[in-house]
């Protein structure tokens, strides 16, 4: 197997991408759980569940994006760039679809708690630079 950028094989590159993404995803899950705990304290147990749903709306598309990106890391720069753009587009569409599903498919929605959980999980992207 040939060496790629900076003497790293494509498999090593894909593994590095996945490891970094896994750290961000773990941080997002922790932040969503913290938002759920705060929601239980501020509102009630049902609000805590909705905060977890909001966190899942962020984490699930992010996990799919990270998986696809780690697989694309073994390809050329142009293919990787295409995968990055397409993956981000798919992630945004999934977030919108999951919000719509949660809003329309279940009763007793606590929208504030759900958005709080989502926003908390999104902060994982930014906090990962400070933590890792």
C-alpha atoms as a PDB file:
ATOM      1  CA  UNK A   1       0.000   0.000   0.000  1.00  0.00           C
ATOM      2  CA  UNK A   2       1.443   3.356  -1.009  1.00  0.00           C
ATOM      3  CA  UNK A   3       2.079   6.191   1.335  1.00  0.00           C
ATOM      4  CA  UNK A   4      -0.161   9.215   1.099  1.00  0.00           C
ATOM      5  CA  UNK A   5       0.106  12.653   2.567  1.00  0.00           C
ATOM      6  CA  UNK A   6       3.028  13.007   5.027  1.00  0.00           C
ATOM      7  CA  UNK A   7       3.923   9.329   4.801  1.00  0.00           C
ATOM      8  CA  UNK A   8       0.580   8.122   6.173  1.00  0.00           C
ATOM      9  CA  UNK A   9      -1.161   5.201   4.507  1.00  0.00           C
ATOM     10  CA  UNK A  10      -4.815   5.679   3.507  1.00  0.00           C
ATOM     11  CA  UNK A  11      -5.896   3.213   6.195  1.00  0.00           C
ATOM     12  CA  UNK A  12      -3.991   5.125   8.870  1.00  0.00           C
ATOM     13  CA  UNK A  13      -5.510   8.365   7.616  1.00  0.00           C
ATOM     14  CA  UNK A  14      -9.036   6.923   7.813  1.00  0.00           C
ATOM     15  CA  UNK A  15      -8.343   5.621  11.325  1.00  0.00           C
ATOM     16  CA  UNK A  16      -7.099   9.033  12.440  1.00  0.00           C
ATOM     17  CA  UNK A  17     -10.197  10.743  11.061  1.00  0.00           C
ATOM     18  CA  UNK A  18     -12.474   8.251  12.813  1.00  0.00           C
ATOM     19  CA  UNK A  19     -10.645   8.555  16.158  1.00  0.00           C
ATOM     20  CA  UNK A  20     -10.902  12.335  16.142  1.00  0.00           C
ATOM     21  CA  UNK A  21     -14.554  12.178  15.133  1.00  0.00           C
ATOM     22  CA  UNK A  22     -15.278   9.624  17.861  1.00  0.00           C
ATOM     23  CA  UNK A  23     -13.902  12.052  20.451  1.00  0.00           C
ATOM     24  CA  UNK A  24     -16.200  14.811  19.216  1.00  0.00           C
ATOM     25  CA  UNK A  25     -19.174  12.437  19.155  1.00  0.00           C
ATOM     26  CA  UNK A  26     -18.457  11.288  22.706  1.00  0.00           C
ATOM     27  CA  UNK A  27     -18.274  14.892  23.854  1.00  0.00           C
ATOM     28  CA  UNK A  28     -21.567  15.623  22.093  1.00  0.00           C
ATOM     29  CA  UNK A  29     -23.237  12.698  23.877  1.00  0.00           C
ATOM     30  CA  UNK A  30     -21.913  13.889  27.250  1.00  0.00           C
ATOM     31  CA  UNK A  31     -23.191  17.411  26.583  1.00  0.00           C
ATOM     32  CA  UNK A  32     -26.612  16.096  25.534  1.00  0.00           C
ATOM     33  CA  UNK A  33     -26.794  14.054  28.734  1.00  0.00           C
ATOM     34  CA  UNK A  34     -25.860  17.135  30.772  1.00  0.00           C
ATOM     35  CA  UNK A  35     -28.609  19.090  28.991  1.00  0.00           C
ATOM     36  CA  UNK A  36     -31.045  16.303  29.842  1.00  0.00           C
ATOM     37  CA  UNK A  37     -30.070  16.487  33.508  1.00  0.00           C
ATOM     38  CA  UNK A  38     -30.562  20.262  33.527  1.00  0.00           C
ATOM     39  CA  UNK A  39     -33.912  19.855  31.760  1.00  0.00           C
ATOM     40  CA  UNK A  40     -35.093  17.381  34.378  1.00  0.00           C
ATOM     41  CA  UNK A  41     -34.110  19.854  37.078  1.00  0.00           C
ATOM     42  CA  UNK A  42     -35.743  22.863  35.361  1.00  0.00           C
ATOM     43  CA  UNK A  43     -38.867  21.164  33.959  1.00  0.00           C
ATOM     44  CA  UNK A  44     -39.518  17.453  34.508  1.00  0.00           C
ATOM     45  CA  UNK A  45     -38.457  13.959  33.439  1.00  0.00           C
ATOM     46  CA  UNK A  46     -40.278  14.204  30.105  1.00  0.00           C
ATOM     47  CA  UNK A  47     -38.311  17.363  29.290  1.00  0.00           C
ATOM     48  CA  UNK A  48     -35.120  15.437  30.010  1.00  0.00           C
ATOM     49  CA  UNK A  49     -36.156  12.845  27.452  1.00  0.00           C
ATOM     50  CA  UNK A  50     -36.845  15.617  24.919  1.00  0.00           C
ATOM     51  CA  UNK A  51     -33.411  17.087  25.589  1.00  0.00           C
ATOM     52  CA  UNK A  52     -31.925  13.665  24.793  1.00  0.00           C
ATOM     53  CA  UNK A  53     -33.980  13.581  21.595  1.00  0.00           C
ATOM     54  CA  UNK A  54     -32.554  16.984  20.672  1.00  0.00           C
ATOM     55  CA  UNK A  55     -29.053  15.703  21.362  1.00  0.00           C
ATOM     56  CA  UNK A  56     -29.718  12.662  19.197  1.00  0.00           C
ATOM     57  CA  UNK A  57     -30.865  14.946  16.375  1.00  0.00           C
ATOM     58  CA  UNK A  58     -27.337  16.355  16.432  1.00  0.00           C
ATOM     59  CA  UNK A  59     -25.301  13.238  17.222  1.00  0.00           C
ATOM     60  CA  UNK A  60     -26.844  10.709  14.801  1.00  0.00           C
ATOM     61  CA  UNK A  61     -26.258  12.720  11.600  1.00  0.00           C
ATOM     62  CA  UNK A  62     -22.810  13.676  12.894  1.00  0.00           C
ATOM     63  CA  UNK A  63     -21.943  10.016  13.439  1.00  0.00           C
ATOM     64  CA  UNK A  64     -23.046   9.117   9.923  1.00  0.00           C
ATOM     65  CA  UNK A  65     -21.036  12.035   8.547  1.00  0.00           C
ATOM     66  CA  UNK A  66     -17.941  10.981  10.505  1.00  0.00           C
ATOM     67  CA  UNK A  67     -18.252   7.400   9.289  1.00  0.00           C
ATOM     68  CA  UNK A  68     -18.578   8.472   5.654  1.00  0.00           C
ATOM     69  CA  UNK A  69     -15.721  10.948   6.005  1.00  0.00           C
ATOM     70  CA  UNK A  70     -13.405   8.374   7.563  1.00  0.00           C
ATOM     71  CA  UNK A  71     -14.100   6.047   4.641  1.00  0.00           C
ATOM     72  CA  UNK A  72     -13.430   8.860   2.165  1.00  0.00           C
ATOM     73  CA  UNK A  73     -10.136   9.725   3.874  1.00  0.00           C
ATOM     74  CA  UNK A  74      -8.455   6.903   1.985  1.00  0.00           C
ATOM     75  CA  UNK A  75      -9.302   8.505  -1.391  1.00  0.00           C
ATOM     76  CA  UNK A  76      -7.683  11.323  -3.321  1.00  0.00           C
ATOM     77  CA  UNK A  77      -7.998  14.954  -2.272  1.00  0.00           C
ATOM     78  CA  UNK A  78     -10.721  15.694  -4.809  1.00  0.00           C
ATOM     79  CA  UNK A  79     -12.796  12.669  -3.795  1.00  0.00           C
ATOM     80  CA  UNK A  80     -12.339  13.573  -0.140  1.00  0.00           C
ATOM     81  CA  UNK A  81     -13.467  17.149  -0.809  1.00  0.00           C
ATOM     82  CA  UNK A  82     -16.550  15.908  -2.647  1.00  0.00           C
ATOM     83  CA  UNK A  83     -17.355  13.515   0.208  1.00  0.00           C
ATOM     84  CA  UNK A  84     -16.948  16.364   2.695  1.00  0.00           C
ATOM     85  CA  UNK A  85     -19.397  18.652   0.873  1.00  0.00           C
ATOM     86  CA  UNK A  86     -21.919  15.904   0.117  1.00  0.00           C
ATOM     87  CA  UNK A  87     -21.676  14.552   3.670  1.00  0.00           C
ATOM     88  CA  UNK A  88     -22.333  17.960   5.175  1.00  0.00           C
ATOM     89  CA  UNK A  89     -25.345  18.438   2.903  1.00  0.00           C
ATOM     90  CA  UNK A  90     -26.741  15.040   3.898  1.00  0.00           C
ATOM     91  CA  UNK A  91     -26.119  15.851   7.558  1.00  0.00           C
ATOM     92  CA  UNK A  92     -28.114  19.095   7.333  1.00  0.00           C
ATOM     93  CA  UNK A  93     -30.993  17.350   5.545  1.00  0.00           C
ATOM     94  CA  UNK A  94     -31.015  14.619   8.201  1.00  0.00           C
ATOM     95  CA  UNK A  95     -31.088  17.174  11.018  1.00  0.00           C
ATOM     96  CA  UNK A  96     -34.093  18.901   9.447  1.00  0.00           C
ATOM     97  CA  UNK A  97     -35.839  15.555   8.849  1.00  0.00           C
ATOM     98  CA  UNK A  98     -35.202  14.360  12.410  1.00  0.00           C
ATOM     99  CA  UNK A  99     -36.501  17.626  13.862  1.00  0.00           C
ATOM    100  CA  UNK A 100     -39.614  17.335  11.690  1.00  0.00           C
ATOM    101  CA  UNK A 101     -40.106  13.710  12.742  1.00  0.00           C
ATOM    102  CA  UNK A 102     -39.726  14.542  16.430  1.00  0.00           C
ATOM    103  CA  UNK A 103     -42.052  17.525  16.136  1.00  0.00           C
ATOM    104  CA  UNK A 104     -44.810  15.787  14.201  1.00  0.00           C
ATOM    105  CA  UNK A 105     -44.504  12.189  15.306  1.00  0.00           C
ATOM    106  CA  UNK A 106     -44.739  12.385  19.070  1.00  0.00           C
ATOM    107  CA  UNK A 107     -47.061  14.096  21.511  1.00  0.00           C
ATOM    108  CA  UNK A 108     -46.102  16.082  24.584  1.00  0.00           C
ATOM    109  CA  UNK A 109     -43.237  17.861  22.873  1.00  0.00           C
ATOM    110  CA  UNK A 110     -41.153  20.180  25.006  1.00  0.00           C
ATOM    111  CA  UNK A 111     -39.599  22.199  22.192  1.00  0.00           C
ATOM    112  CA  UNK A 112     -37.445  24.284  24.509  1.00  0.00           C
ATOM    113  CA  UNK A 113     -35.846  21.181  26.040  1.00  0.00           C
ATOM    114  CA  UNK A 114     -35.346  19.580  22.630  1.00  0.00           C
ATOM    115  CA  UNK A 115     -33.648  22.674  21.213  1.00  0.00           C
ATOM    116  CA  UNK A 116     -31.598  22.983  24.411  1.00  0.00           C
ATOM    117  CA  UNK A 117     -30.374  19.399  23.972  1.00  0.00           C
ATOM    118  CA  UNK A 118     -29.551  20.033  20.308  1.00  0.00           C
ATOM    119  CA  UNK A 119     -27.671  23.263  20.985  1.00  0.00           C
ATOM    120  CA  UNK A 120     -25.785  21.631  23.846  1.00  0.00           C
ATOM    121  CA  UNK A 121     -24.681  18.760  21.621  1.00  0.00           C
ATOM    122  CA  UNK A 122     -23.634  21.133  18.823  1.00  0.00           C
ATOM    123  CA  UNK A 123     -21.246  22.794  21.276  1.00  0.00           C
ATOM    124  CA  UNK A 124     -19.226  19.580  21.173  1.00  0.00           C
ATOM    125  CA  UNK A 125     -17.721  20.720  17.879  1.00  0.00           C
ATOM    126  CA  UNK A 126     -16.348  23.868  19.474  1.00  0.00           C
ATOM    127  CA  UNK A 127     -15.409  22.461  22.865  1.00  0.00           C
ATOM    128  CA  UNK A 128     -13.483  19.597  21.277  1.00  0.00           C
ATOM    129  CA  UNK A 129     -10.768  22.085  20.319  1.00  0.00           C
ATOM    130  CA  UNK A 130     -10.371  22.998  23.982  1.00  0.00           C
ATOM    131  CA  UNK A 131     -10.673  19.497  25.451  1.00  0.00           C
ATOM    132  CA  UNK A 132      -8.711  17.379  22.966  1.00  0.00           C
END
